[in-house]
PDB file of all heavy atoms in Angstrom:
ATOM      1  N   ILE A   1       5.252   5.518 -28.909  1.00  0.00           N
ATOM      2  CA  ILE A   1       4.478   6.142 -27.838  1.00  0.00           C
ATOM      3  C   ILE A   1       4.802   7.633 -27.763  1.00  0.00           C
ATOM      4  O   ILE A   1       5.963   8.017 -27.596  1.00  0.00           O
ATOM      5  CB  ILE A   1       4.767   5.474 -26.476  1.00  0.00           C
ATOM      6  CG1 ILE A   1       4.531   3.969 -26.550  1.00  0.00           C
ATOM      7  CG2 ILE A   1       3.926   6.120 -25.382  1.00  0.00           C
ATOM      8  CD1 ILE A   1       3.095   3.563 -26.865  1.00  0.00           C
ATOM      9  N   ASP A   2       3.765   8.448 -27.906  1.00  0.00           N
ATOM     10  CA  ASP A   2       3.899   9.897 -27.809  1.00  0.00           C
ATOM     11  C   ASP A   2       3.029  10.426 -26.681  1.00  0.00           C
ATOM     12  O   ASP A   2       2.033   9.801 -26.305  1.00  0.00           O
ATOM     13  CB  ASP A   2       3.484  10.571 -29.120  1.00  0.00           C
ATOM     14  CG  ASP A   2       4.439  10.265 -30.261  1.00  0.00           C
ATOM     15  OD1 ASP A   2       5.666  10.269 -30.029  1.00  0.00           O
ATOM     16  OD2 ASP A   2       3.960  10.017 -31.387  1.00  0.00           O
ATOM     17  N   GLN A   3       3.405  11.591 -26.166  1.00  0.00           N
ATOM     18  CA  GLN A   3       2.610  12.277 -25.164  1.00  0.00           C
ATOM     19  C   GLN A   3       1.478  13.043 -25.860  1.00  0.00           C
ATOM     20  O   GLN A   3       1.415  13.089 -27.087  1.00  0.00           O
ATOM     21  CB  GLN A   3       3.504  13.228 -24.365  1.00  0.00           C
ATOM     22  CG  GLN A   3       4.634  12.473 -23.658  1.00  0.00           C
ATOM     23  CD  GLN A   3       5.543  13.378 -22.882  1.00  0.00           C
ATOM     24  OE1 GLN A   3       5.349  13.531 -21.698  1.00  0.00           O
ATOM     25  NE2 GLN A   3       6.521  13.969 -23.559  1.00  0.00           N
ATOM     26  N   PHE A   4       0.598  13.653 -25.073  1.00  0.00           N
ATOM     27  CA  PHE A   4      -0.539  14.386 -25.638  1.00  0.00           C
ATOM     28  C   PHE A   4      -0.108  15.495 -26.585  1.00  0.00           C
ATOM     29  O   PHE A   4      -0.794  15.786 -27.555  1.00  0.00           O
ATOM     30  CB  PHE A   4      -1.416  14.976 -24.525  1.00  0.00           C
ATOM     31  CG  PHE A   4      -2.216  13.943 -23.794  1.00  0.00           C
ATOM     32  CD1 PHE A   4      -1.972  13.684 -22.455  1.00  0.00           C
ATOM     33  CD2 PHE A   4      -3.211  13.227 -24.431  1.00  0.00           C
ATOM     34  CE1 PHE A   4      -2.712  12.738 -21.771  1.00  0.00           C
ATOM     35  CE2 PHE A   4      -3.953  12.265 -23.759  1.00  0.00           C
ATOM     36  CZ  PHE A   4      -3.705  12.027 -22.423  1.00  0.00           C
ATOM     37  N   ASP A   5       1.057  16.112 -26.307  1.00  0.00           N
ATOM     38  CA  ASP A   5       1.502  17.220 -27.159  1.00  0.00           C
ATOM     39  C   ASP A   5       2.259  16.740 -28.400  1.00  0.00           C
ATOM     40  O   ASP A   5       2.760  17.546 -29.171  1.00  0.00           O
ATOM     41  CB  ASP A   5       2.368  18.196 -26.361  1.00  0.00           C
ATOM     42  CG  ASP A   5       3.667  17.583 -25.861  1.00  0.00           C
ATOM     43  OD1 ASP A   5       3.953  16.405 -26.161  1.00  0.00           O
ATOM     44  OD2 ASP A   5       4.408  18.294 -25.148  1.00  0.00           O
ATOM     45  N   GLY A   6       2.337  15.423 -28.598  1.00  0.00           N
ATOM     46  CA  GLY A   6       2.987  14.879 -29.793  1.00  0.00           C
ATOM     47  C   GLY A   6       4.466  14.589 -29.636  1.00  0.00           C
ATOM     48  O   GLY A   6       5.087  14.037 -30.546  1.00  0.00           O
ATOM     49  N   THR A   7       5.051  14.934 -28.493  1.00  0.00           N
ATOM     50  CA  THR A   7       6.464  14.638 -28.279  1.00  0.00           C
ATOM     51  C   THR A   7       6.609  13.201 -27.782  1.00  0.00           C
ATOM     52  O   THR A   7       5.703  12.663 -27.137  1.00  0.00           O
ATOM     53  CB  THR A   7       7.094  15.607 -27.258  1.00  0.00           C
ATOM     54  OG1 THR A   7       6.396  15.495 -26.018  1.00  0.00           O
ATOM     55  CG2 THR A   7       7.037  17.047 -27.766  1.00  0.00           C
ATOM     56  N   PRO A   8       7.742  12.563 -28.062  1.00  0.00           N
ATOM     57  CA  PRO A   8       7.952  11.185 -27.596  1.00  0.00           C
ATOM     58  C   PRO A   8       7.883  11.091 -26.068  1.00  0.00           C
ATOM     59  O   PRO A   8       8.386  11.953 -25.361  1.00  0.00           O
ATOM     60  CB  PRO A   8       9.357  10.847 -28.097  1.00  0.00           C
ATOM     61  CG  PRO A   8       9.580  11.770 -29.247  1.00  0.00           C
ATOM     62  CD  PRO A   8       8.850  13.041 -28.887  1.00  0.00           C
ATOM     63  N   MET A   9       7.231  10.037 -25.580  1.00  0.00           N
ATOM     64  CA  MET A   9       7.105   9.828 -24.132  1.00  0.00           C
ATOM     65  C   MET A   9       8.362   9.141 -23.605  1.00  0.00           C
ATOM     66  O   MET A   9       8.756   8.109 -24.129  1.00  0.00           O
ATOM     67  CB  MET A   9       5.888   8.949 -23.826  1.00  0.00           C
ATOM     68  CG  MET A   9       5.755   8.592 -22.352  1.00  0.00           C
ATOM     69  SD  MET A   9       4.366   7.496 -22.036  1.00  0.00           S
ATOM     70  CE  MET A   9       3.052   8.688 -21.966  1.00  0.00           C
ATOM     71  N   PRO A  10       9.008   9.698 -22.578  1.00  0.00           N
ATOM     72  CA  PRO A  10      10.146   9.011 -21.972  1.00  0.00           C
ATOM     73  C   PRO A  10       9.673   7.713 -21.303  1.00  0.00           C
ATOM     74  O   PRO A  10       8.770   7.728 -20.478  1.00  0.00           O
ATOM     75  CB  PRO A  10      10.670  10.002 -20.933  1.00  0.00           C
ATOM     76  CG  PRO A  10       9.981  11.293 -21.194  1.00  0.00           C
ATOM     77  CD  PRO A  10       8.738  10.988 -21.963  1.00  0.00           C
ATOM     78  N   LEU A  11      10.274   6.585 -21.660  1.00  0.00           N
ATOM     79  CA  LEU A  11       9.839   5.281 -21.169  1.00  0.00           C
ATOM     80  C   LEU A  11      10.847   4.602 -20.245  1.00  0.00           C
ATOM     81  O   LEU A  11      10.514   3.593 -19.623  1.00  0.00           O
ATOM     82  CB  LEU A  11       9.559   4.348 -22.354  1.00  0.00           C
ATOM     83  CG  LEU A  11       8.492   4.787 -23.346  1.00  0.00           C
ATOM     84  CD1 LEU A  11       8.457   3.837 -24.535  1.00  0.00           C
ATOM     85  CD2 LEU A  11       7.138   4.864 -22.675  1.00  0.00           C
ATOM     86  N   ASN A  12      12.067   5.120 -20.152  1.00  0.00           N
ATOM     87  CA  ASN A  12      13.155   4.401 -19.488  1.00  0.00           C
ATOM     88  C   ASN A  12      12.903   4.029 -18.038  1.00  0.00           C
ATOM     89  O   ASN A  12      13.330   2.986 -17.591  1.00  0.00           O
ATOM     90  CB  ASN A  12      14.453   5.195 -19.597  1.00  0.00           C
ATOM     91  CG  ASN A  12      14.965   5.179 -21.017  1.00  0.00           C
ATOM     92  OD1 ASN A  12      14.650   4.290 -21.787  1.00  0.00           O
ATOM     93  ND2 ASN A  12      15.736   6.194 -21.374  1.00  0.00           N
ATOM     94  N   ASP A  13      12.219   4.855 -17.264  1.00  0.00           N
ATOM     95  CA  ASP A  13      12.029   4.565 -15.841  1.00  0.00           C
ATOM     96  C   ASP A  13      10.654   3.986 -15.533  1.00  0.00           C
ATOM     97  O   ASP A  13      10.222   3.997 -14.381  1.00  0.00           O
ATOM     98  CB  ASP A  13      12.258   5.837 -15.015  1.00  0.00           C
ATOM     99  CG  ASP A  13      13.703   6.311 -15.103  1.00  0.00           C
ATOM    100  OD1 ASP A  13      14.596   5.452 -15.197  1.00  0.00           O
ATOM    101  OD2 ASP A  13      13.929   7.535 -15.097  1.00  0.00           O
ATOM    102  N   LEU A  14       9.971   3.478 -16.544  1.00  0.00           N
ATOM    103  CA  LEU A  14       8.626   2.950 -16.357  1.00  0.00           C
ATOM    104  C   LEU A  14       8.596   1.435 -16.515  1.00  0.00           C
ATOM    105  O   LEU A  14       9.359   0.869 -17.299  1.00  0.00           O
ATOM    106  CB  LEU A  14       7.671   3.548 -17.399  1.00  0.00           C
ATOM    107  CG  LEU A  14       7.497   5.058 -17.409  1.00  0.00           C
ATOM    108  CD1 LEU A  14       6.612   5.472 -18.581  1.00  0.00           C
ATOM    109  CD2 LEU A  14       6.895   5.534 -16.097  1.00  0.00           C
ATOM    110  N   GLY A  15       7.710   0.779 -15.776  1.00  0.00           N
ATOM    111  CA  GLY A  15       7.383  -0.607 -16.070  1.00  0.00           C
ATOM    112  C   GLY A  15       6.482  -0.608 -17.294  1.00  0.00           C
ATOM    113  O   GLY A  15       5.621   0.264 -17.435  1.00  0.00           O
ATOM    114  N   LEU A  16       6.680  -1.551 -18.199  1.00  0.00           N
ATOM    115  CA  LEU A  16       5.902  -1.610 -19.440  1.00  0.00           C
ATOM    116  C   LEU A  16       5.313  -2.999 -19.613  1.00  0.00           C
ATOM    117  O   LEU A  16       5.986  -3.998 -19.364  1.00  0.00           O
ATOM    118  CB  LEU A  16       6.803  -1.293 -20.647  1.00  0.00           C
ATOM    119  CG  LEU A  16       7.634  -0.014 -20.580  1.00  0.00           C
ATOM    120  CD1 LEU A  16       8.575   0.066 -21.772  1.00  0.00           C
ATOM    121  CD2 LEU A  16       6.736   1.206 -20.517  1.00  0.00           C
ATOM    122  N   ARG A  17       4.059  -3.056 -20.058  1.00  0.00           N
ATOM    123  CA  ARG A  17       3.468  -4.358 -20.334  1.00  0.00           C
ATOM    124  C   ARG A  17       2.334  -4.226 -21.351  1.00  0.00           C
ATOM    125  O   ARG A  17       1.733  -3.162 -21.502  1.00  0.00           O
ATOM    126  CB  ARG A  17       2.970  -5.025 -19.055  1.00  0.00           C
ATOM    127  CG  ARG A  17       1.760  -4.403 -18.423  1.00  0.00           C
ATOM    128  CD  ARG A  17       1.414  -5.108 -17.122  1.00  0.00           C
ATOM    129  NE  ARG A  17       0.149  -4.653 -16.563  1.00  0.00           N
ATOM    130  CZ  ARG A  17      -0.376  -5.124 -15.450  1.00  0.00           C
ATOM    131  NH1 ARG A  17       0.278  -6.048 -14.749  1.00  0.00           N
ATOM    132  NH2 ARG A  17      -1.526  -4.677 -15.014  1.00  0.00           N
ATOM    133  N   LEU A  18       2.085  -5.349 -22.003  1.00  0.00           N
ATOM    134  CA  LEU A  18       0.958  -5.503 -22.909  1.00  0.00           C
ATOM    135  C   LEU A  18      -0.034  -6.422 -22.215  1.00  0.00           C
ATOM    136  O   LEU A  18       0.337  -7.515 -21.774  1.00  0.00           O
ATOM    137  CB  LEU A  18       1.424  -6.124 -24.232  1.00  0.00           C
ATOM    138  CG  LEU A  18       0.347  -6.498 -25.250  1.00  0.00           C
ATOM    139  CD1 LEU A  18      -0.349  -5.251 -25.787  1.00  0.00           C
ATOM    140  CD2 LEU A  18       0.961  -7.297 -26.390  1.00  0.00           C
ATOM    141  N   VAL A  19      -1.270  -5.977 -22.090  1.00  0.00           N
ATOM    142  CA  VAL A  19      -2.318  -6.776 -21.471  1.00  0.00           C
ATOM    143  C   VAL A  19      -3.267  -7.221 -22.577  1.00  0.00           C
ATOM    144  O   VAL A  19      -3.833  -6.388 -23.289  1.00  0.00           O
ATOM    145  CB  VAL A  19      -3.090  -5.983 -20.396  1.00  0.00           C
ATOM    146  CG1 VAL A  19      -4.182  -6.836 -19.784  1.00  0.00           C
ATOM    147  CG2 VAL A  19      -2.141  -5.474 -19.332  1.00  0.00           C
ATOM    148  N   ILE A  20      -3.411  -8.541 -22.728  1.00  0.00           N
ATOM    149  CA  ILE A  20      -4.342  -9.108 -23.699  1.00  0.00           C
ATOM    150  C   ILE A  20      -5.516  -9.662 -22.905  1.00  0.00           C
ATOM    151  O   ILE A  20      -5.337 -10.490 -22.006  1.00  0.00           O
ATOM    152  CB  ILE A  20      -3.668 -10.198 -24.550  1.00  0.00           C
ATOM    153  CG1 ILE A  20      -2.469  -9.585 -25.299  1.00  0.00           C
ATOM    154  CG2 ILE A  20      -4.667 -10.826 -25.514  1.00  0.00           C
ATOM    155  CD1 ILE A  20      -1.621 -10.589 -26.038  1.00  0.00           C
ATOM    156  N   TYR A  21      -6.706  -9.163 -23.227  1.00  0.00           N
ATOM    157  CA  TYR A  21      -7.914  -9.534 -22.483  1.00  0.00           C
ATOM    158  C   TYR A  21      -8.497 -10.814 -23.072  1.00  0.00           C
ATOM    159  O   TYR A  21      -9.075 -10.815 -24.154  1.00  0.00           O
ATOM    160  CB  TYR A  21      -8.932  -8.399 -22.519  1.00  0.00           C
ATOM    161  CG  TYR A  21      -8.385  -7.128 -21.913  1.00  0.00           C
ATOM    162  CD1 TYR A  21      -8.011  -6.058 -22.717  1.00  0.00           C
ATOM    163  CD2 TYR A  21      -8.224  -7.006 -20.532  1.00  0.00           C
ATOM    164  CE1 TYR A  21      -7.500  -4.892 -22.161  1.00  0.00           C
ATOM    165  CE2 TYR A  21      -7.711  -5.848 -19.973  1.00  0.00           C
ATOM    166  CZ  TYR A  21      -7.355  -4.794 -20.794  1.00  0.00           C
ATOM    167  OH  TYR A  21      -6.846  -3.649 -20.243  1.00  0.00           O
ATOM    168  N   LEU A  22      -8.320 -11.907 -22.326  1.00  0.00           N
ATOM    169  CA  LEU A  22      -8.886 -13.201 -22.693  1.00  0.00           C
ATOM    170  C   LEU A  22     -10.236 -13.351 -22.015  1.00  0.00           C
ATOM    171  O   LEU A  22     -10.510 -12.658 -21.024  1.00  0.00           O
ATOM    172  CB  LEU A  22      -7.947 -14.329 -22.246  1.00  0.00           C
ATOM    173  CG  LEU A  22      -6.500 -14.255 -22.721  1.00  0.00           C
ATOM    174  CD1 LEU A  22      -5.686 -15.373 -22.086  1.00  0.00           C
ATOM    175  CD2 LEU A  22      -6.433 -14.326 -24.228  1.00  0.00           C
ATOM    176  N   PRO A  23     -11.080 -14.259 -22.486  1.00  0.00           N
ATOM    177  CA  PRO A  23     -12.343 -14.487 -21.772  1.00  0.00           C
ATOM    178  C   PRO A  23     -12.064 -14.947 -20.330  1.00  0.00           C
ATOM    179  O   PRO A  23     -11.461 -15.988 -20.109  1.00  0.00           O
ATOM    180  CB  PRO A  23     -13.026 -15.589 -22.583  1.00  0.00           C
ATOM    181  CG  PRO A  23     -12.411 -15.507 -23.946  1.00  0.00           C
ATOM    182  CD  PRO A  23     -10.996 -15.052 -23.715  1.00  0.00           C
ATOM    183  N   GLY A  24     -12.426 -14.120 -19.358  1.00  0.00           N
ATOM    184  CA  GLY A  24     -12.271 -14.475 -17.959  1.00  0.00           C
ATOM    185  C   GLY A  24     -10.869 -14.349 -17.396  1.00  0.00           C
ATOM    186  O   GLY A  24     -10.622 -14.750 -16.264  1.00  0.00           O
ATOM    187  N   ALA A  25      -9.924 -13.803 -18.154  1.00  0.00           N
ATOM    188  CA  ALA A  25      -8.541 -13.692 -17.666  1.00  0.00           C
ATOM    189  C   ALA A  25      -7.800 -12.607 -18.448  1.00  0.00           C
ATOM    190  O   ALA A  25      -8.317 -12.058 -19.417  1.00  0.00           O
ATOM    191  CB  ALA A  25      -7.820 -15.027 -17.830  1.00  0.00           C
ATOM    192  N   GLU A  26      -6.587 -12.324 -18.000  1.00  0.00           N
ATOM    193  CA  GLU A  26      -5.707 -11.404 -18.710  1.00  0.00           C
ATOM    194  C   GLU A  26      -4.381 -12.094 -18.954  1.00  0.00           C
ATOM    195  O   GLU A  26      -3.863 -12.785 -18.079  1.00  0.00           O
ATOM    196  CB  GLU A  26      -5.457 -10.134 -17.890  1.00  0.00           C
ATOM    197  CG  GLU A  26      -6.672  -9.285 -17.684  1.00  0.00           C
ATOM    198  CD  GLU A  26      -6.396  -8.066 -16.828  1.00  0.00           C
ATOM    199  OE1 GLU A  26      -5.327  -8.002 -16.176  1.00  0.00           O
ATOM    200  OE2 GLU A  26      -7.257  -7.177 -16.797  1.00  0.00           O
ATOM    201  N   LEU A  27      -3.844 -11.923 -20.141  1.00  0.00           N
ATOM    202  CA  LEU A  27      -2.512 -12.409 -20.477  1.00  0.00           C
ATOM    203  C   LEU A  27      -1.586 -11.204 -20.435  1.00  0.00           C
ATOM    204  O   LEU A  27      -1.826 -10.207 -21.120  1.00  0.00           O
ATOM    205  CB  LEU A  27      -2.517 -13.045 -21.871  1.00  0.00           C
ATOM    206  CG  LEU A  27      -1.187 -13.511 -22.438  1.00  0.00           C
ATOM    207  CD1 LEU A  27      -0.569 -14.592 -21.563  1.00  0.00           C
ATOM    208  CD2 LEU A  27      -1.386 -14.027 -23.861  1.00  0.00           C
ATOM    209  N   ILE A  28      -0.559 -11.265 -19.587  1.00  0.00           N
ATOM    210  CA  ILE A  28       0.365 -10.149 -19.390  1.00  0.00           C
ATOM    211  C   ILE A  28       1.696 -10.485 -20.056  1.00  0.00           C
ATOM    212  O   ILE A  28       2.314 -11.506 -19.746  1.00  0.00           O
ATOM    213  CB  ILE A  28       0.613  -9.883 -17.886  1.00  0.00           C
ATOM    214  CG1 ILE A  28      -0.699  -9.733 -17.119  1.00  0.00           C
ATOM    215  CG2 ILE A  28       1.553  -8.706 -17.694  1.00  0.00           C
ATOM    216  CD1 ILE A  28      -1.494  -8.519 -17.424  1.00  0.00           C
ATOM    217  N   ILE A  29       2.157  -9.605 -20.952  1.00  0.00           N
ATOM    218  CA  ILE A  29       3.455  -9.782 -21.607  1.00  0.00           C
ATOM    219  C   ILE A  29       4.318  -8.584 -21.233  1.00  0.00           C
ATOM    220  O   ILE A  29       3.977  -7.437 -21.559  1.00  0.00           O
ATOM    221  CB  ILE A  29       3.294  -9.921 -23.128  1.00  0.00           C
ATOM    222  CG1 ILE A  29       2.431 -11.154 -23.437  1.00  0.00           C
ATOM    223  CG2 ILE A  29       4.657  -9.997 -23.808  1.00  0.00           C
ATOM    224  CD1 ILE A  29       2.115 -11.371 -24.869  1.00  0.00           C
ATOM    225  N   PRO A  30       5.432  -8.824 -20.520  1.00  0.00           N
ATOM    226  CA  PRO A  30       6.309  -7.711 -20.129  1.00  0.00           C
ATOM    227  C   PRO A  30       6.941  -7.071 -21.360  1.00  0.00           C
ATOM    228  O   PRO A  30       7.186  -7.733 -22.365  1.00  0.00           O
ATOM    229  CB  PRO A  30       7.374  -8.358 -19.249  1.00  0.00           C
ATOM    230  CG  PRO A  30       7.077  -9.808 -19.188  1.00  0.00           C
ATOM    231  CD  PRO A  30       5.908 -10.106 -20.048  1.00  0.00           C
ATOM    232  N   GLY A  31       7.211  -5.790 -21.233  1.00  0.00           N
ATOM    233  CA  GLY A  31       7.798  -5.055 -22.352  1.00  0.00           C
ATOM    234  C   GLY A  31       9.087  -4.370 -21.971  1.00  0.00           C
ATOM    235  O   GLY A  31       9.541  -4.443 -20.825  1.00  0.00           O
ATOM    236  N   ARG A  32       9.646  -3.699 -22.949  1.00  0.00           N
ATOM    237  CA  ARG A  32      10.880  -2.940 -22.747  1.00  0.00           C
ATOM    238  C   ARG A  32      10.837  -1.694 -23.622  1.00  0.00           C
ATOM    239  O   ARG A  32      10.104  -1.648 -24.611  1.00  0.00           O
ATOM    240  CB  ARG A  32      12.102  -3.784 -23.067  1.00  0.00           C
ATOM    241  CG  ARG A  32      12.201  -4.175 -24.522  1.00  0.00           C
ATOM    242  CD  ARG A  32      13.390  -5.103 -24.804  1.00  0.00           C
ATOM    243  NE  ARG A  32      13.392  -5.485 -26.191  1.00  0.00           N
ATOM    244  CZ  ARG A  32      12.611  -6.412 -26.749  1.00  0.00           C
ATOM    245  NH1 ARG A  32      11.740  -7.066 -26.002  1.00  0.00           N
ATOM    246  NH2 ARG A  32      12.681  -6.681 -28.039  1.00  0.00           N
ATOM    247  N   ALA A  33      11.629  -0.702 -23.243  1.00  0.00           N
ATOM    248  CA  ALA A  33      11.732   0.527 -24.023  1.00  0.00           C
ATOM    249  C   ALA A  33      12.824   0.361 -25.067  1.00  0.00           C
ATOM    250  O   ALA A  33      13.902  -0.162 -24.776  1.00  0.00           O
ATOM    251  CB  ALA A  33      12.060   1.701 -23.105  1.00  0.00           C
ATOM    252  N   GLU A  34      12.535   0.781 -26.289  1.00  0.00           N
ATOM    253  CA  GLU A  34      13.506   0.763 -27.383  1.00  0.00           C
ATOM    254  C   GLU A  34      13.378   2.060 -28.158  1.00  0.00           C
ATOM    255  O   GLU A  34      12.434   2.823 -27.972  1.00  0.00           O
ATOM    256  CB  GLU A  34      13.244  -0.410 -28.339  1.00  0.00           C
ATOM    257  CG  GLU A  34      13.544  -1.762 -27.776  1.00  0.00           C
ATOM    258  CD  GLU A  34      13.455  -2.871 -28.822  1.00  0.00           C
ATOM    259  OE1 GLU A  34      13.056  -2.595 -29.979  1.00  0.00           O
ATOM    260  OE2 GLU A  34      13.770  -4.020 -28.474  1.00  0.00           O
ATOM    261  N   SER A  35      14.319   2.273 -29.027  1.00  0.00           N
ATOM    262  CA  SER A  35      14.238   3.367 -29.990  1.00  0.00           C
ATOM    263  C   SER A  35      14.809   2.844 -31.296  1.00  0.00           C
ATOM    264  O   SER A  35      15.562   1.871 -31.315  1.00  0.00           O
ATOM    265  CB  SER A  35      15.017   4.589 -29.506  1.00  0.00           C
ATOM    266  OG  SER A  35      16.381   4.270 -29.387  1.00  0.00           O
ATOM    267  N   GLY A  36      14.404   3.469 -32.381  1.00  0.00           N
ATOM    268  CA  GLY A  36      14.928   3.060 -33.679  1.00  0.00           C
ATOM    269  C   GLY A  36      13.842   2.916 -34.710  1.00  0.00           C
ATOM    270  O   GLY A  36      12.782   3.537 -34.610  1.00  0.00           O
ATOM    271  N   GLU A  37      14.112   2.075 -35.707  1.00  0.00           N
ATOM    272  CA  GLU A  37      13.173   1.903 -36.808  1.00  0.00           C
ATOM    273  C   GLU A  37      12.031   0.979 -36.421  1.00  0.00           C
ATOM    274  O   GLU A  37      12.203   0.017 -35.681  1.00  0.00           O
ATOM    275  CB  GLU A  37      13.896   1.352 -38.039  1.00  0.00           C
ATOM    276  CG  GLU A  37      14.843   2.351 -38.646  1.00  0.00           C
ATOM    277  CD  GLU A  37      15.454   1.861 -39.945  1.00  0.00           C
ATOM    278  OE1 GLU A  37      15.381   0.651 -40.251  1.00  0.00           O
ATOM    279  OE2 GLU A  37      16.004   2.701 -40.666  1.00  0.00           O
ATOM    280  N   LEU A  38      10.859   1.293 -36.963  1.00  0.00           N
ATOM    281  CA  LEU A  38       9.648   0.550 -36.672  1.00  0.00           C
ATOM    282  C   LEU A  38       8.803   0.509 -37.937  1.00  0.00           C
ATOM    283  O   LEU A  38       8.563   1.551 -38.553  1.00  0.00           O
ATOM    284  CB  LEU A  38       8.884   1.239 -35.537  1.00  0.00           C
ATOM    285  CG  LEU A  38       7.583   0.630 -35.074  1.00  0.00           C
ATOM    286  CD1 LEU A  38       7.854  -0.673 -34.321  1.00  0.00           C
ATOM    287  CD2 LEU A  38       6.835   1.600 -34.176  1.00  0.00           C
ATOM    288  N   ALA A  39       8.387  -0.685 -38.336  1.00  0.00           N
ATOM    289  CA  ALA A  39       7.498  -0.816 -39.495  1.00  0.00           C
ATOM    290  C   ALA A  39       6.071  -0.530 -39.059  1.00  0.00           C
ATOM    291  O   ALA A  39       5.603  -1.049 -38.053  1.00  0.00           O
ATOM    292  CB  ALA A  39       7.604  -2.218 -40.078  1.00  0.00           C
ATOM    293  N   THR A  40       5.382   0.303 -39.823  1.00  0.00           N
ATOM    294  CA  THR A  40       3.997   0.640 -39.509  1.00  0.00           C
ATOM    295  C   THR A  40       3.054  -0.302 -40.254  1.00  0.00           C
ATOM    296  O   THR A  40       3.466  -1.041 -41.148  1.00  0.00           O
ATOM    297  CB  THR A  40       3.693   2.101 -39.890  1.00  0.00           C
ATOM    298  OG1 THR A  40       3.871   2.251 -41.299  1.00  0.00           O
ATOM    299  CG2 THR A  40       4.613   3.066 -39.145  1.00  0.00           C
ATOM    300  N   ASP A  41       1.779  -0.248 -39.878  1.00  0.00           N
ATOM    301  CA  ASP A  41       0.785  -1.126 -40.501  1.00  0.00           C
ATOM    302  C   ASP A  41       0.655  -0.901 -41.999  1.00  0.00           C
ATOM    303  O   ASP A  41       0.289  -1.809 -42.729  1.00  0.00           O
ATOM    304  CB  ASP A  41      -0.578  -0.944 -39.835  1.00  0.00           C
ATOM    305  CG  ASP A  41      -0.618  -1.484 -38.418  1.00  0.00           C
ATOM    306  OD1 ASP A  41       0.193  -2.389 -38.102  1.00  0.00           O
ATOM    307  OD2 ASP A  41      -1.443  -1.002 -37.627  1.00  0.00           O
ATOM    308  N   ASP A  42       0.946   0.312 -42.456  1.00  0.00           N
ATOM    309  CA  ASP A  42       0.814   0.594 -43.886  1.00  0.00           C
ATOM    310  C   ASP A  42       2.098   0.323 -44.670  1.00  0.00           C
ATOM    311  O   ASP A  42       2.214   0.691 -45.830  1.00  0.00           O
ATOM    312  CB  ASP A  42       0.332   2.019 -44.116  1.00  0.00           C
ATOM    313  CG  ASP A  42       1.289   3.069 -43.561  1.00  0.00           C
ATOM    314  OD1 ASP A  42       2.386   2.703 -43.072  1.00  0.00           O
ATOM    315  OD2 ASP A  42       0.942   4.257 -43.608  1.00  0.00           O
ATOM    316  N   GLY A  43       3.083  -0.318 -44.026  1.00  0.00           N
ATOM    317  CA  GLY A  43       4.306  -0.722 -44.709  1.00  0.00           C
ATOM    318  C   GLY A  43       5.431   0.294 -44.675  1.00  0.00           C
ATOM    319  O   GLY A  43       6.532   0.013 -45.142  1.00  0.00           O
ATOM    320  N   GLN A  44       5.195   1.466 -44.123  1.00  0.00           N
ATOM    321  CA  GLN A  44       6.254   2.461 -44.003  1.00  0.00           C
ATOM    322  C   GLN A  44       7.172   2.110 -42.847  1.00  0.00           C
ATOM    323  O   GLN A  44       6.786   1.394 -41.924  1.00  0.00           O
ATOM    324  CB  GLN A  44       5.674   3.850 -43.771  1.00  0.00           C
ATOM    325  CG  GLN A  44       4.861   4.387 -44.910  1.00  0.00           C
ATOM    326  CD  GLN A  44       4.348   5.791 -44.601  1.00  0.00           C
ATOM    327  OE1 GLN A  44       4.442   6.283 -43.471  1.00  0.00           O
ATOM    328  NE2 GLN A  44       3.796   6.443 -45.605  1.00  0.00           N
ATOM    329  N   VAL A  45       8.387   2.611 -42.889  1.00  0.00           N
ATOM    330  CA  VAL A  45       9.336   2.448 -41.786  1.00  0.00           C
ATOM    331  C   VAL A  45       9.593   3.834 -41.210  1.00  0.00           C
ATOM    332  O   VAL A  45       9.944   4.766 -41.942  1.00  0.00           O
ATOM    333  CB  VAL A  45      10.651   1.793 -42.261  1.00  0.00           C
ATOM    334  CG1 VAL A  45      11.656   1.740 -41.122  1.00  0.00           C
ATOM    335  CG2 VAL A  45      10.375   0.406 -42.805  1.00  0.00           C
TER     336      VAL A  45
END
Protein backbone atom coordinates (compact mmCIF):
# COMPACT_ATOMS: atom_id res chain seq x y z
CA ILE A 1 0.00 0.00 0.00
CA ASP A 2 1.40 3.34 -1.13
CA GLN A 3 0.13 6.90 -0.83
CA PHE A 4 -0.61 9.09 -3.87
CA ASP A 5 2.97 10.40 -3.89
CA GLY A 6 4.38 6.84 -4.05
CA THR A 7 5.61 6.68 -0.46
CA PRO A 8 4.51 3.76 1.75
CA MET A 9 1.25 4.42 3.62
CA PRO A 10 1.54 4.16 7.42
CA LEU A 11 -0.92 1.41 8.43
CA ASN A 12 -0.20 0.81 12.14
CA ASP A 13 -3.02 2.91 13.63
CA LEU A 14 -5.68 1.94 11.10
CA GLY A 15 -8.36 -0.73 11.05
CA LEU A 16 -7.79 -2.91 7.97
CA ARG A 17 -10.14 -5.22 6.13
CA LEU A 18 -10.77 -6.94 2.83
CA VAL A 19 -14.35 -6.71 1.59
CA ILE A 20 -15.45 -9.38 -0.90
CA TYR A 21 -18.68 -8.47 -2.67
CA LEU A 22 -20.94 -11.52 -2.82
CA PRO A 23 -24.33 -11.52 -4.53
CA GLY A 24 -26.55 -9.70 -2.01
CA ALA A 25 -23.94 -9.61 0.78
CA GLU A 26 -20.40 -8.70 1.76
CA LEU A 27 -17.76 -11.03 3.17
CA ILE A 28 -15.47 -9.13 5.56
CA ILE A 29 -11.98 -10.47 6.34
CA PRO A 30 -10.03 -8.55 9.00
CA GLY A 31 -6.47 -7.62 8.15
CA ARG A 32 -3.24 -6.59 9.77
CA ALA A 33 -0.27 -4.40 8.90
CA GLU A 34 2.99 -6.14 8.00
CA SER A 35 6.26 -5.30 6.35
CA GLY A 36 8.75 -7.46 4.54
CA GLU A 37 8.93 -9.60 1.44
CA LEU A 38 5.93 -10.01 -0.81
CA ALA A 39 5.56 -12.11 -3.96
CA THR A 40 4.01 -10.19 -6.84
CA ASP A 41 1.68 -11.56 -9.51
CA ASP A 42 4.54 -11.71 -12.01
CA GLY A 43 6.65 -13.90 -9.71
CA GLN A 44 9.01 -11.22 -8.42
CA VAL A 45 9.68 -10.77 -4.71
